[in-house]
């Protein structure tokens, strides 16, 4: 169909690495028209009292800061071109809760 694309592996939490990769893609293909933010982790699952702050911070850094870093890196080119799309992918986990079986947490009735 005449379109070109490429996929790149990178650490989305590393702002400088994101900038380098975006520049490499633009050098190879020209300005980026579409960015799909699809990197995500969910490492901090389990009982709340057993969760670790380090995992929580990593989840936030990959899932939120990663999308921010990538979007910020492609934004100037989209503005210069006058067109672009940024698509953020989420999981169904954003719409559903998990059942808590802890005895101190009781379901609300009525």
PDB file of N, CA and C in Angstrom:
ATOM      1  N   UNK A   1       0.821  -1.193   0.000  1.00  0.00           N
ATOM      2  CA  UNK A   1       0.000   0.000   0.000  1.00  0.00           C
ATOM      3  C   UNK A   1       0.865   1.257   0.000  1.00  0.00           C
ATOM      4  N   UNK A   2       2.162   1.087  -0.065  1.00  0.00           N
ATOM      5  CA  UNK A   2       3.039   2.241  -0.140  1.00  0.00           C
ATOM      6  C   UNK A   2       3.444   2.835   1.189  1.00  0.00           C
ATOM      7  N   UNK A   3       2.998   2.258   2.279  1.00  0.00           N
ATOM      8  CA  UNK A   3       3.349   2.774   3.603  1.00  0.00           C
ATOM      9  C   UNK A   3       4.576   2.048   4.140  1.00  0.00           C
ATOM     10  N   UNK A   4       5.300   2.741   4.989  1.00  0.00           N
ATOM     11  CA  UNK A   4       6.467   2.142   5.622  1.00  0.00           C
ATOM     12  C   UNK A   4       6.271   2.190   7.129  1.00  0.00           C
ATOM     13  N   UNK A   5       6.833   1.225   7.801  1.00  0.00           N
ATOM     14  CA  UNK A   5       6.791   1.205   9.266  1.00  0.00           C
ATOM     15  C   UNK A   5       8.014   0.471   9.771  1.00  0.00           C
ATOM     16  N   UNK A   6       8.245   0.607  11.050  1.00  0.00           N
ATOM     17  CA  UNK A   6       9.302  -0.180  11.679  1.00  0.00           C
ATOM     18  C   UNK A   6       8.961  -0.334  13.151  1.00  0.00           C
ATOM     19  N   UNK A   7       9.492  -1.358  13.749  1.00  0.00           N
ATOM     20  CA  UNK A   7       9.326  -1.596  15.183  1.00  0.00           C
ATOM     21  C   UNK A   7      10.709  -1.530  15.812  1.00  0.00           C
ATOM     22  N   UNK A   8      10.791  -0.895  16.951  1.00  0.00           N
ATOM     23  CA  UNK A   8      12.078  -0.740  17.622  1.00  0.00           C
ATOM     24  C   UNK A   8      11.950  -1.217  19.061  1.00  0.00           C
ATOM     25  N   UNK A   9      12.989  -1.865  19.542  1.00  0.00           N
ATOM     26  CA  UNK A   9      13.038  -2.293  20.933  1.00  0.00           C
ATOM     27  C   UNK A   9      13.823  -1.239  21.717  1.00  0.00           C
ATOM     28  N   UNK A  10      13.233  -0.794  22.839  1.00  0.00           N
ATOM     29  CA  UNK A  10      13.916   0.194  23.658  1.00  0.00           C
ATOM     30  C   UNK A  10      13.324   0.215  25.049  1.00  0.00           C
ATOM     31  N   UNK A  11      14.041   0.852  25.955  1.00  0.00           N
ATOM     32  CA  UNK A  11      13.580   1.045  27.328  1.00  0.00           C
ATOM     33  C   UNK A  11      12.811   2.353  27.366  1.00  0.00           C
ATOM     34  N   UNK A  12      11.485   2.277  27.424  1.00  0.00           N
ATOM     35  CA  UNK A  12      10.667   3.488  27.383  1.00  0.00           C
ATOM     36  C   UNK A  12      10.819   4.350  28.624  1.00  0.00           C
ATOM     37  N   UNK A  13      11.415   3.821  29.677  1.00  0.00           N
ATOM     38  CA  UNK A  13      11.611   4.607  30.899  1.00  0.00           C
ATOM     39  C   UNK A  13      12.849   5.497  30.802  1.00  0.00           C
ATOM     40  N   UNK A  14      13.673   5.280  29.798  1.00  0.00           N
ATOM     41  CA  UNK A  14      14.911   6.034  29.619  1.00  0.00           C
ATOM     42  C   UNK A  14      14.687   7.126  28.575  1.00  0.00           C
ATOM     43  N   UNK A  15      14.477   8.346  29.031  1.00  0.00           N
ATOM     44  CA  UNK A  15      14.135   9.462  28.135  1.00  0.00           C
ATOM     45  C   UNK A  15      15.174   9.656  27.029  1.00  0.00           C
ATOM     46  N   UNK A  16      16.444   9.563  27.365  1.00  0.00           N
ATOM     47  CA  UNK A  16      17.495   9.768  26.357  1.00  0.00           C
ATOM     48  C   UNK A  16      17.497   8.647  25.320  1.00  0.00           C
ATOM     49  N   UNK A  17      17.283   7.417  25.760  1.00  0.00           N
ATOM     50  CA  UNK A  17      17.214   6.303  24.812  1.00  0.00           C
ATOM     51  C   UNK A  17      16.015   6.474  23.883  1.00  0.00           C
ATOM     52  N   UNK A  18      14.880   6.895  24.433  1.00  0.00           N
ATOM     53  CA  UNK A  18      13.691   7.139  23.609  1.00  0.00           C
ATOM     54  C   UNK A  18      14.014   8.193  22.552  1.00  0.00           C
ATOM     55  N   UNK A  19      14.629   9.287  22.941  1.00  0.00           N
ATOM     56  CA  UNK A  19      14.984  10.346  21.981  1.00  0.00           C
ATOM     57  C   UNK A  19      15.890   9.814  20.877  1.00  0.00           C
ATOM     58  N   UNK A  20      16.895   8.998  21.259  1.00  0.00           N
ATOM     59  CA  UNK A  20      17.831   8.441  20.271  1.00  0.00           C
ATOM     60  C   UNK A  20      17.104   7.536  19.279  1.00  0.00           C
ATOM     61  N   UNK A  21      16.227   6.686  19.782  1.00  0.00           N
ATOM     62  CA  UNK A  21      15.521   5.747  18.908  1.00  0.00           C
ATOM     63  C   UNK A  21      14.551   6.498  17.985  1.00  0.00           C
ATOM     64  N   UNK A  22      13.829   7.457  18.530  1.00  0.00           N
ATOM     65  CA  UNK A  22      12.905   8.244  17.704  1.00  0.00           C
ATOM     66  C   UNK A  22      13.689   8.951  16.600  1.00  0.00           C
ATOM     67  N   UNK A  23      14.849   9.516  16.930  1.00  0.00           N
ATOM     68  CA  UNK A  23      15.674  10.177  15.917  1.00  0.00           C
ATOM     69  C   UNK A  23      16.134   9.176  14.862  1.00  0.00           C
ATOM     70  N   UNK A  24      16.517   7.978  15.276  1.00  0.00           N
ATOM     71  CA  UNK A  24      16.952   6.950  14.325  1.00  0.00           C
ATOM     72  C   UNK A  24      15.811   6.558  13.386  1.00  0.00           C
ATOM     73  N   UNK A  25      14.613   6.421  13.927  1.00  0.00           N
ATOM     74  CA  UNK A  25      13.455   6.091  13.088  1.00  0.00           C
ATOM     75  C   UNK A  25      13.182   7.220  12.094  1.00  0.00           C
ATOM     76  N   UNK A  26      13.216   8.453  12.590  1.00  0.00           N
ATOM     77  CA  UNK A  26      12.969   9.586  11.698  1.00  0.00           C
ATOM     78  C   UNK A  26      14.056   9.723  10.632  1.00  0.00           C
ATOM     79  N   UNK A  27      15.293   9.410  10.975  1.00  0.00           N
ATOM     80  CA  UNK A  27      16.381   9.429   9.989  1.00  0.00           C
ATOM     81  C   UNK A  27      16.137   8.381   8.910  1.00  0.00           C
ATOM     82  N   UNK A  28      15.596   7.234   9.300  1.00  0.00           N
ATOM     83  CA  UNK A  28      15.376   6.130   8.376  1.00  0.00           C
ATOM     84  C   UNK A  28      14.104   6.307   7.555  1.00  0.00           C
ATOM     85  N   UNK A  29      13.018   6.759   8.196  1.00  0.00           N
ATOM     86  CA  UNK A  29      11.714   6.767   7.533  1.00  0.00           C
ATOM     87  C   UNK A  29      11.090   8.149   7.343  1.00  0.00           C
ATOM     88  N   UNK A  30      11.663   9.147   7.996  1.00  0.00           N
ATOM     89  CA  UNK A  30      11.049  10.471   7.956  1.00  0.00           C
ATOM     90  C   UNK A  30      10.204  10.695   9.202  1.00  0.00           C
ATOM     91  N   UNK A  31       9.482  11.810   9.227  1.00  0.00           N
ATOM     92  CA  UNK A  31       8.692  12.141  10.410  1.00  0.00           C
ATOM     93  C   UNK A  31       7.693  11.036  10.770  1.00  0.00           C
ATOM     94  N   UNK A  32       7.503  10.840  12.042  1.00  0.00           N
ATOM     95  CA  UNK A  32       6.592   9.796  12.534  1.00  0.00           C
ATOM     96  C   UNK A  32       5.165  10.316  12.474  1.00  0.00           C
ATOM     97  N   UNK A  33       4.297   9.546  11.829  1.00  0.00           N
ATOM     98  CA  UNK A  33       2.888   9.906  11.718  1.00  0.00           C
ATOM     99  C   UNK A  33       2.059   9.320  12.859  1.00  0.00           C
ATOM    100  N   UNK A  34       2.392   8.095  13.253  1.00  0.00           N
ATOM    101  CA  UNK A  34       1.579   7.385  14.236  1.00  0.00           C
ATOM    102  C   UNK A  34       2.495   6.744  15.276  1.00  0.00           C
ATOM    103  N   UNK A  35       2.165   6.972  16.528  1.00  0.00           N
ATOM    104  CA  UNK A  35       2.850   6.322  17.642  1.00  0.00           C
ATOM    105  C   UNK A  35       1.823   5.490  18.389  1.00  0.00           C
ATOM    106  N   UNK A  36       2.149   4.241  18.654  1.00  0.00           N
ATOM    107  CA  UNK A  36       1.301   3.375  19.475  1.00  0.00           C
ATOM    108  C   UNK A  36       2.056   3.095  20.767  1.00  0.00           C
ATOM    109  N   UNK A  37       1.566   3.674  21.858  1.00  0.00           N
ATOM    110  CA  UNK A  37       2.141   3.399  23.181  1.00  0.00           C
ATOM    111  C   UNK A  37       1.522   2.113  23.703  1.00  0.00           C
ATOM    112  N   UNK A  38       2.312   1.035  23.685  1.00  0.00           N
ATOM    113  CA  UNK A  38       1.793  -0.273  24.046  1.00  0.00           C
ATOM    114  C   UNK A  38       2.667  -0.973  25.085  1.00  0.00           C
ATOM    115  N   UNK A  39       3.705  -0.332  25.577  1.00  0.00           N
ATOM    116  CA  UNK A  39       4.572  -0.950  26.578  1.00  0.00           C
ATOM    117  C   UNK A  39       3.864  -0.940  27.924  1.00  0.00           C
ATOM    118  N   UNK A  40       3.879  -2.066  28.621  1.00  0.00           N
ATOM    119  CA  UNK A  40       3.232  -2.121  29.935  1.00  0.00           C
ATOM    120  C   UNK A  40       3.760  -3.302  30.740  1.00  0.00           C
ATOM    121  N   UNK A  41       3.736  -3.128  32.038  1.00  0.00           N
ATOM    122  CA  UNK A  41       4.059  -4.203  32.974  1.00  0.00           C
ATOM    123  C   UNK A  41       3.038  -4.163  34.105  1.00  0.00           C
ATOM    124  N   UNK A  42       2.925  -5.256  34.796  1.00  0.00           N
ATOM    125  CA  UNK A  42       2.074  -5.331  35.979  1.00  0.00           C
ATOM    126  C   UNK A  42       2.749  -6.302  36.942  1.00  0.00           C
ATOM    127  N   UNK A  43       3.820  -5.822  37.546  1.00  0.00           N
ATOM    128  CA  UNK A  43       4.644  -6.676  38.402  1.00  0.00           C
ATOM    129  C   UNK A  43       4.226  -6.678  39.861  1.00  0.00           C
ATOM    130  N   UNK A  44       3.372  -5.766  40.261  1.00  0.00           N
ATOM    131  CA  UNK A  44       3.085  -5.608  41.688  1.00  0.00           C
ATOM    132  C   UNK A  44       1.757  -6.257  42.060  1.00  0.00           C
ATOM    133  N   UNK A  45       1.551  -7.464  41.628  1.00  0.00           N
ATOM    134  CA  UNK A  45       0.332  -8.202  41.939  1.00  0.00           C
ATOM    135  C   UNK A  45       0.519  -8.975  43.246  1.00  0.00           C
ATOM    136  N   UNK A  46      -0.565  -9.317  43.850  1.00  0.00           N
ATOM    137  CA  UNK A  46      -0.502 -10.116  45.069  1.00  0.00           C
ATOM    138  C   UNK A  46      -1.142  -9.384  46.228  1.00  0.00           C
ATOM    139  N   UNK A  47      -0.959  -9.931  47.396  1.00  0.00           N
ATOM    140  CA  UNK A  47      -1.526  -9.328  48.600  1.00  0.00           C
ATOM    141  C   UNK A  47      -0.918  -7.951  48.816  1.00  0.00           C
ATOM    142  N   UNK A  48      -1.778  -7.007  49.164  1.00  0.00           N
ATOM    143  CA  UNK A  48      -1.343  -5.616  49.321  1.00  0.00           C
ATOM    144  C   UNK A  48      -0.182  -5.501  50.298  1.00  0.00           C
ATOM    145  N   UNK A  49      -0.277  -6.190  51.413  1.00  0.00           N
ATOM    146  CA  UNK A  49       0.762  -6.074  52.440  1.00  0.00           C
ATOM    147  C   UNK A  49       2.089  -6.674  51.996  1.00  0.00           C
ATOM    148  N   UNK A  50       2.088  -7.448  50.927  1.00  0.00           N
ATOM    149  CA  UNK A  50       3.317  -8.057  50.424  1.00  0.00           C
ATOM    150  C   UNK A  50       3.879  -7.315  49.202  1.00  0.00           C
ATOM    151  N   UNK A  51       3.169  -6.318  48.719  1.00  0.00           N
ATOM    152  CA  UNK A  51       3.642  -5.579  47.561  1.00  0.00           C
ATOM    153  C   UNK A  51       4.837  -4.708  47.926  1.00  0.00           C
ATOM    154  N   UNK A  52       5.654  -4.448  46.936  1.00  0.00           N
ATOM    155  CA  UNK A  52       6.895  -3.694  47.136  1.00  0.00           C
ATOM    156  C   UNK A  52       6.831  -2.347  46.427  1.00  0.00           C
ATOM    157  N   UNK A  53       7.282  -1.313  47.103  1.00  0.00           N
ATOM    158  CA  UNK A  53       7.303   0.031  46.543  1.00  0.00           C
ATOM    159  C   UNK A  53       8.120   0.080  45.253  1.00  0.00           C
ATOM    160  N   UNK A  54       9.229  -0.644  45.200  1.00  0.00           N
ATOM    161  CA  UNK A  54      10.086  -0.637  44.009  1.00  0.00           C
ATOM    162  C   UNK A  54       9.314  -1.151  42.793  1.00  0.00           C
ATOM    163  N   UNK A  55       8.502  -2.187  42.979  1.00  0.00           N
ATOM    164  CA  UNK A  55       7.713  -2.723  41.858  1.00  0.00           C
ATOM    165  C   UNK A  55       6.615  -1.737  41.454  1.00  0.00           C
ATOM    166  N   UNK A  56       5.993  -1.115  42.442  1.00  0.00           N
ATOM    167  CA  UNK A  56       4.969  -0.103  42.180  1.00  0.00           C
ATOM    168  C   UNK A  56       5.560   1.030  41.320  1.00  0.00           C
ATOM    169  N   UNK A  57       6.730   1.495  41.734  1.00  0.00           N
ATOM    170  CA  UNK A  57       7.375   2.588  41.006  1.00  0.00           C
ATOM    171  C   UNK A  57       7.770   2.163  39.594  1.00  0.00           C
ATOM    172  N   UNK A  58       8.211   0.922  39.427  1.00  0.00           N
ATOM    173  CA  UNK A  58       8.562   0.424  38.086  1.00  0.00           C
ATOM    174  C   UNK A  58       7.309   0.347  37.212  1.00  0.00           C
ATOM    175  N   UNK A  59       6.214  -0.181  37.766  1.00  0.00           N
ATOM    176  CA  UNK A  59       4.957  -0.240  37.006  1.00  0.00           C
ATOM    177  C   UNK A  59       4.560   1.150  36.514  1.00  0.00           C
ATOM    178  N   UNK A  60       4.610   2.139  37.402  1.00  0.00           N
ATOM    179  CA  UNK A  60       4.245   3.501  37.018  1.00  0.00           C
ATOM    180  C   UNK A  60       5.206   4.064  35.977  1.00  0.00           C
ATOM    181  N   UNK A  61       6.486   3.788  36.157  1.00  0.00           N
ATOM    182  CA  UNK A  61       7.486   4.336  35.235  1.00  0.00           C
ATOM    183  C   UNK A  61       7.320   3.758  33.829  1.00  0.00           C
ATOM    184  N   UNK A  62       7.079   2.458  33.733  1.00  0.00           N
ATOM    185  CA  UNK A  62       6.884   1.857  32.411  1.00  0.00           C
ATOM    186  C   UNK A  62       5.529   2.276  31.832  1.00  0.00           C
ATOM    187  N   UNK A  63       4.464   2.107  32.613  1.00  0.00           N
ATOM    188  CA  UNK A  63       3.115   2.287  32.088  1.00  0.00           C
ATOM    189  C   UNK A  63       2.742   3.740  31.836  1.00  0.00           C
ATOM    190  N   UNK A  64       3.205   4.656  32.656  1.00  0.00           N
ATOM    191  CA  UNK A  64       2.834   6.063  32.506  1.00  0.00           C
ATOM    192  C   UNK A  64       3.966   6.913  31.948  1.00  0.00           C
ATOM    193  N   UNK A  65       5.112   6.873  32.615  1.00  0.00           N
ATOM    194  CA  UNK A  65       6.227   7.703  32.169  1.00  0.00           C
ATOM    195  C   UNK A  65       6.706   7.258  30.790  1.00  0.00           C
ATOM    196  N   UNK A  66       6.655   5.972  30.503  1.00  0.00           N
ATOM    197  CA  UNK A  66       7.067   5.483  29.186  1.00  0.00           C
ATOM    198  C   UNK A  66       6.226   6.076  28.069  1.00  0.00           C
ATOM    199  N   UNK A  67       4.911   6.097  28.266  1.00  0.00           N
ATOM    200  CA  UNK A  67       4.020   6.694  27.264  1.00  0.00           C
ATOM    201  C   UNK A  67       4.304   8.186  27.126  1.00  0.00           C
ATOM    202  N   UNK A  68       4.549   8.840  28.252  1.00  0.00           N
ATOM    203  CA  UNK A  68       4.890  10.271  28.243  1.00  0.00           C
ATOM    204  C   UNK A  68       6.175  10.513  27.446  1.00  0.00           C
ATOM    205  N   UNK A  69       7.236   9.731  27.749  1.00  0.00           N
ATOM    206  CA  UNK A  69       8.526   9.909  27.064  1.00  0.00           C
ATOM    207  C   UNK A  69       8.384   9.743  25.556  1.00  0.00           C
ATOM    208  N   UNK A  70       7.680   8.701  25.137  1.00  0.00           N
ATOM    209  CA  UNK A  70       7.536   8.440  23.700  1.00  0.00           C
ATOM    210  C   UNK A  70       6.682   9.512  23.029  1.00  0.00           C
ATOM    211  N   UNK A  71       5.596   9.893  23.679  1.00  0.00           N
ATOM    212  CA  UNK A  71       4.726  10.928  23.109  1.00  0.00           C
ATOM    213  C   UNK A  71       5.465  12.251  22.987  1.00  0.00           C
ATOM    214  N   UNK A  72       6.198  12.601  24.010  1.00  0.00           N
ATOM    215  CA  UNK A  72       6.933  13.866  23.993  1.00  0.00           C
ATOM    216  C   UNK A  72       8.000  13.864  22.894  1.00  0.00           C
ATOM    217  N   UNK A  73       8.604  12.712  22.633  1.00  0.00           N
ATOM    218  CA  UNK A  73       9.660  12.626  21.623  1.00  0.00           C
ATOM    219  C   UNK A  73       9.115  12.766  20.204  1.00  0.00           C
ATOM    220  N   UNK A  74       7.905  12.264  19.937  1.00  0.00           N
ATOM    221  CA  UNK A  74       7.359  12.358  18.575  1.00  0.00           C
ATOM    222  C   UNK A  74       6.550  13.632  18.347  1.00  0.00           C
ATOM    223  N   UNK A  75       6.117  14.270  19.411  1.00  0.00           N
ATOM    224  CA  UNK A  75       5.244  15.433  19.316  1.00  0.00           C
ATOM    225  C   UNK A  75       5.793  16.558  18.435  1.00  0.00           C
ATOM    226  N   UNK A  76       7.051  16.980  18.608  1.00  0.00           N
ATOM    227  CA  UNK A  76       7.547  18.095  17.780  1.00  0.00           C
ATOM    228  C   UNK A  76       7.432  17.825  16.276  1.00  0.00           C
ATOM    229  N   UNK A  77       7.745  16.617  15.854  1.00  0.00           N
ATOM    230  CA  UNK A  77       7.644  16.278  14.433  1.00  0.00           C
ATOM    231  C   UNK A  77       6.207  16.307  13.939  1.00  0.00           C
ATOM    232  N   UNK A  78       5.286  15.866  14.770  1.00  0.00           N
ATOM    233  CA  UNK A  78       3.870  15.894  14.394  1.00  0.00           C
ATOM    234  C   UNK A  78       3.372  17.331  14.271  1.00  0.00           C
ATOM    235  N   UNK A  79       3.821  18.182  15.178  1.00  0.00           N
ATOM    236  CA  UNK A  79       3.423  19.600  15.128  1.00  0.00           C
ATOM    237  C   UNK A  79       3.988  20.255  13.876  1.00  0.00           C
ATOM    238  N   UNK A  80       5.272  20.006  13.589  1.00  0.00           N
ATOM    239  CA  UNK A  80       5.893  20.584  12.376  1.00  0.00           C
ATOM    240  C   UNK A  80       5.150  20.136  11.117  1.00  0.00           C
ATOM    241  N   UNK A  81       4.781  18.855  11.088  1.00  0.00           N
ATOM    242  CA  UNK A  81       4.100  18.302   9.916  1.00  0.00           C
ATOM    243  C   UNK A  81       2.637  18.741   9.853  1.00  0.00           C
ATOM    244  N   UNK A  82       2.080  19.073  11.010  1.00  0.00           N
ATOM    245  CA  UNK A  82       0.671  19.462  11.046  1.00  0.00           C
ATOM    246  C   UNK A  82      -0.277  18.287  11.108  1.00  0.00           C
ATOM    247  N   UNK A  83       0.258  17.108  11.430  1.00  0.00           N
ATOM    248  CA  UNK A  83      -0.582  15.908  11.492  1.00  0.00           C
ATOM    249  C   UNK A  83       0.135  14.829  12.288  1.00  0.00           C
ATOM    250  N   UNK A  84      -0.615  14.034  12.975  1.00  0.00           N
ATOM    251  CA  UNK A  84      -0.073  12.886  13.682  1.00  0.00           C
ATOM    252  C   UNK A  84      -1.125  12.282  14.590  1.00  0.00           C
ATOM    253  N   UNK A  85      -0.883  11.053  14.990  1.00  0.00           N
ATOM    254  CA  UNK A  85      -1.783  10.360  15.900  1.00  0.00           C
ATOM    255  C   UNK A  85      -0.963   9.638  16.956  1.00  0.00           C
ATOM    256  N   UNK A  86      -1.395   9.765  18.206  1.00  0.00           N
ATOM    257  CA  UNK A  86      -0.798   9.032  19.310  1.00  0.00           C
ATOM    258  C   UNK A  86      -1.884   8.149  19.890  1.00  0.00           C
ATOM    259  N   UNK A  87      -1.653   6.845  19.869  1.00  0.00           N
ATOM    260  CA  UNK A  87      -2.631   5.864  20.339  1.00  0.00           C
ATOM    261  C   UNK A  87      -2.076   5.222  21.604  1.00  0.00           C
ATOM    262  N   UNK A  88      -2.821   5.344  22.690  1.00  0.00           N
ATOM    263  CA  UNK A  88      -2.422   4.747  23.964  1.00  0.00           C
ATOM    264  C   UNK A  88      -3.238   3.482  24.201  1.00  0.00           C
ATOM    265  N   UNK A  89      -2.554   2.373  24.375  1.00  0.00           N
ATOM    266  CA  UNK A  89      -3.199   1.086  24.593  1.00  0.00           C
ATOM    267  C   UNK A  89      -3.279   0.830  26.093  1.00  0.00           C
ATOM    268  N   UNK A  90      -4.414   0.345  26.524  1.00  0.00           N
ATOM    269  CA  UNK A  90      -4.593  -0.031  27.922  1.00  0.00           C
ATOM    270  C   UNK A  90      -5.126  -1.460  27.955  1.00  0.00           C
ATOM    271  N   UNK A  91      -5.160  -2.034  29.117  1.00  0.00           N
ATOM    272  CA  UNK A  91      -5.696  -3.384  29.240  1.00  0.00           C
ATOM    273  C   UNK A  91      -7.067  -3.323  29.894  1.00  0.00           C
ATOM    274  N   UNK A  92      -7.751  -4.424  29.864  1.00  0.00           N
ATOM    275  CA  UNK A  92      -9.060  -4.523  30.506  1.00  0.00           C
ATOM    276  C   UNK A  92      -8.935  -4.350  32.020  1.00  0.00           C
ATOM    277  N   UNK A  93      -7.724  -4.471  32.553  1.00  0.00           N
ATOM    278  CA  UNK A  93      -7.512  -4.300  33.994  1.00  0.00           C
ATOM    279  C   UNK A  93      -7.900  -2.895  34.453  1.00  0.00           C
ATOM    280  N   UNK A  94      -7.889  -1.943  33.537  1.00  0.00           N
ATOM    281  CA  UNK A  94      -8.290  -0.585  33.896  1.00  0.00           C
ATOM    282  C   UNK A  94      -9.783  -0.480  34.161  1.00  0.00           C
ATOM    283  N   UNK A  95     -10.534  -1.444  33.689  1.00  0.00           N
ATOM    284  CA  UNK A  95     -11.986  -1.404  33.812  1.00  0.00           C
ATOM    285  C   UNK A  95     -12.541  -2.377  34.850  1.00  0.00           C
ATOM    286  N   UNK A  96     -11.708  -3.253  35.359  1.00  0.00           N
ATOM    287  CA  UNK A  96     -12.182  -4.303  36.263  1.00  0.00           C
ATOM    288  C   UNK A  96     -11.424  -4.252  37.581  1.00  0.00           C
ATOM    289  N   UNK A  97     -12.083  -4.568  38.629  1.00  0.00           N
ATOM    290  CA  UNK A  97     -11.427  -4.696  39.918  1.00  0.00           C
ATOM    291  C   UNK A  97     -11.094  -6.148  40.191  1.00  0.00           C
ATOM    292  N   UNK A  98     -10.338  -6.365  41.213  1.00  0.00           N
ATOM    293  CA  UNK A  98     -10.028  -7.723  41.642  1.00  0.00           C
ATOM    294  C   UNK A  98     -10.697  -7.963  42.987  1.00  0.00           C
ATOM    295  N   UNK A  99     -11.182  -9.144  43.194  1.00  0.00           N
ATOM    296  CA  UNK A  99     -11.843  -9.480  44.439  1.00  0.00           C
ATOM    297  C   UNK A  99     -10.814  -9.562  45.560  1.00  0.00           C
ATOM    298  N   UNK A 100     -11.147  -8.975  46.675  1.00  0.00           N
ATOM    299  CA  UNK A 100     -10.276  -9.012  47.835  1.00  0.00           C
ATOM    300  C   UNK A 100     -10.854  -9.994  48.838  1.00  0.00           C
ATOM    301  N   UNK A 101     -10.054 -10.947  49.271  1.00  0.00           N
ATOM    302  CA  UNK A 101     -10.547 -11.953  50.205  1.00  0.00           C
ATOM    303  C   UNK A 101     -10.037 -11.724  51.628  1.00  0.00           C
ATOM    304  N   UNK A 102      -9.434 -10.566  51.870  1.00  0.00           N
ATOM    305  CA  UNK A 102      -8.921 -10.281  53.209  1.00  0.00           C
ATOM    306  C   UNK A 102     -10.090 -10.166  54.183  1.00  0.00           C
ATOM    307  N   UNK A 103      -9.988 -10.765  55.390  1.00  0.00           N
ATOM    308  CA  UNK A 103     -11.110 -10.754  56.332  1.00  0.00           C
ATOM    309  C   UNK A 103     -11.489  -9.360  56.823  1.00  0.00           C
ATOM    310  N   UNK A 104     -10.589  -8.376  56.749  1.00  0.00           N
ATOM    311  CA  UNK A 104     -10.925  -7.031  57.203  1.00  0.00           C
ATOM    312  C   UNK A 104     -11.664  -6.226  56.133  1.00  0.00           C
ATOM    313  N   UNK A 105     -11.682  -6.754  54.907  1.00  0.00           N
ATOM    314  CA  UNK A 105     -12.380  -6.077  53.813  1.00  0.00           C
ATOM    315  C   UNK A 105     -13.644  -6.862  53.526  1.00  0.00           C
ATOM    316  N   UNK A 106     -14.771  -6.294  53.867  1.00  0.00           N
ATOM    317  CA  UNK A 106     -16.049  -6.959  53.693  1.00  0.00           C
ATOM    318  C   UNK A 106     -16.816  -6.303  52.550  1.00  0.00           C
ATOM    319  N   UNK A 107     -17.518  -7.098  51.761  1.00  0.00           N
ATOM    320  CA  UNK A 107     -18.309  -6.506  50.695  1.00  0.00           C
ATOM    321  C   UNK A 107     -19.442  -5.642  51.247  1.00  0.00           C
ATOM    322  N   UNK A 108     -19.710  -4.588  50.559  1.00  0.00           N
ATOM    323  CA  UNK A 108     -20.796  -3.700  50.956  1.00  0.00           C
ATOM    324  C   UNK A 108     -22.105  -4.281  50.465  1.00  0.00           C
ATOM    325  N   UNK A 109     -23.037  -4.447  51.348  1.00  0.00           N
ATOM    326  CA  UNK A 109     -24.325  -5.038  50.975  1.00  0.00           C
ATOM    327  C   UNK A 109     -25.377  -3.950  50.891  1.00  0.00           C
ATOM    328  N   UNK A 110     -26.244  -4.071  49.888  1.00  0.00           N
ATOM    329  CA  UNK A 110     -27.402  -3.164  49.763  1.00  0.00           C
ATOM    330  C   UNK A 110     -27.130  -1.931  49.100  1.00  0.00           C
TER     331      UNK A 110
END
